[in-house]
Amino acid sequence: MMKFGLIIWVCSFLQGNACLDPMKYPILHDSWYECSRQAHQESLKLIAKMGYAYVNKYNIGVKYNCEPVRIY
């Protein structure tokens, strides 16, 4: 059986595209669809926490990956 683990990076898209360390979420998802939806929901929360001024000043964006995990 295949599950998907969510990994999110918060990055500044100014020159150099520096990213913070990846955040691995503890919940495994049953499908890429569920993982991707969770990634977008978490991204909105992270952007909101950082606030309008900070996000604009540092060109903050979020990258994610839904990494396949084989469950035996």
Protein backbone atom coordinates (compact mmCIF):
# COMPACT_ATOMS: atom_id res chain seq x y z
CA MET A 1 0.00 0.00 0.00
CA MET A 2 1.25 3.49 -0.85
CA LYS A 3 0.77 6.54 1.37
CA PHE A 4 2.08 10.09 0.94
CA GLY A 5 4.02 12.19 3.43
CA LEU A 6 3.83 15.97 3.22
CA ILE A 7 7.01 18.06 3.22
CA ILE A 8 6.82 21.87 3.08
CA TRP A 9 9.56 24.45 2.57
CA VAL A 10 9.09 28.17 3.28
CA CYS A 11 11.33 30.12 0.91
CA SER A 12 12.33 33.64 0.06
CA PHE A 13 12.22 34.09 -3.70
CA LEU A 14 14.59 37.02 -3.68
CA GLN A 15 17.96 36.37 -5.29
CA GLY A 16 19.25 32.98 -4.23
CA ASN A 17 15.88 31.39 -3.36
CA ALA A 18 16.85 30.62 0.25
CA CYS A 19 14.56 28.13 2.00
CA LEU A 20 14.15 27.24 5.63
CA ASP A 21 14.62 23.62 6.68
CA PRO A 22 11.82 21.39 5.43
CA MET A 23 8.86 20.69 7.68
CA LYS A 24 7.74 17.07 7.62
CA TYR A 25 4.15 16.57 8.70
CA PRO A 26 3.48 13.47 10.81
CA ILE A 27 0.24 12.44 9.12
CA LEU A 28 0.41 10.15 6.09
CA HIS A 29 -2.23 10.64 3.40
CA ASP A 30 -3.98 7.94 1.41
CA SER A 31 -3.59 9.75 -1.92
CA TRP A 32 -1.60 12.45 -3.70
CA TYR A 33 -4.85 14.43 -3.91
CA GLU A 34 -5.32 14.48 -0.11
CA CYS A 35 -1.68 15.33 0.48
CA SER A 36 -1.73 18.14 -2.08
CA ARG A 37 -4.89 19.65 -0.58
CA GLN A 38 -3.30 19.55 2.88
CA ALA A 39 -0.18 21.24 1.47
CA HIS A 40 -2.22 24.16 0.19
CA GLN A 41 -4.17 24.49 3.45
CA GLU A 42 -0.96 24.47 5.51
CA SER A 43 0.69 26.93 3.11
CA LEU A 44 -2.14 29.41 3.62
CA LYS A 45 -1.75 29.11 7.39
CA LEU A 46 2.01 29.66 7.21
CA ILE A 47 1.69 32.71 4.93
CA ALA A 48 -1.00 34.19 7.17
CA LYS A 49 1.17 33.71 10.29
CA MET A 50 4.08 35.56 8.67
CA GLY A 51 1.86 38.45 7.69
CA TYR A 52 1.44 40.76 4.75
CA ALA A 53 4.48 42.99 5.33
CA TYR A 54 6.98 40.17 5.93
CA VAL A 55 5.77 38.09 2.98
CA ASN A 56 6.00 41.08 0.64
CA LYS A 57 9.35 42.32 1.98
CA TYR A 58 11.07 38.94 1.50
CA ASN A 59 9.00 37.55 -1.42
CA ILE A 60 7.98 34.56 0.67
CA GLY A 61 6.50 31.51 -1.01
CA VAL A 62 5.92 27.90 -0.14
CA LYS A 63 7.08 24.76 -1.95
CA TYR A 64 5.85 21.27 -1.15
CA ASN A 65 6.28 17.65 -2.04
CA CYS A 66 4.06 14.68 -1.33
CA GLU A 67 6.63 11.95 -0.89
CA PRO A 68 5.49 8.37 -1.56
CA VAL A 69 5.86 6.03 1.40
CA ARG A 70 5.35 2.30 0.99
CA ILE A 71 3.44 0.75 3.89
CA TYR A 72 3.85 -3.01 4.36
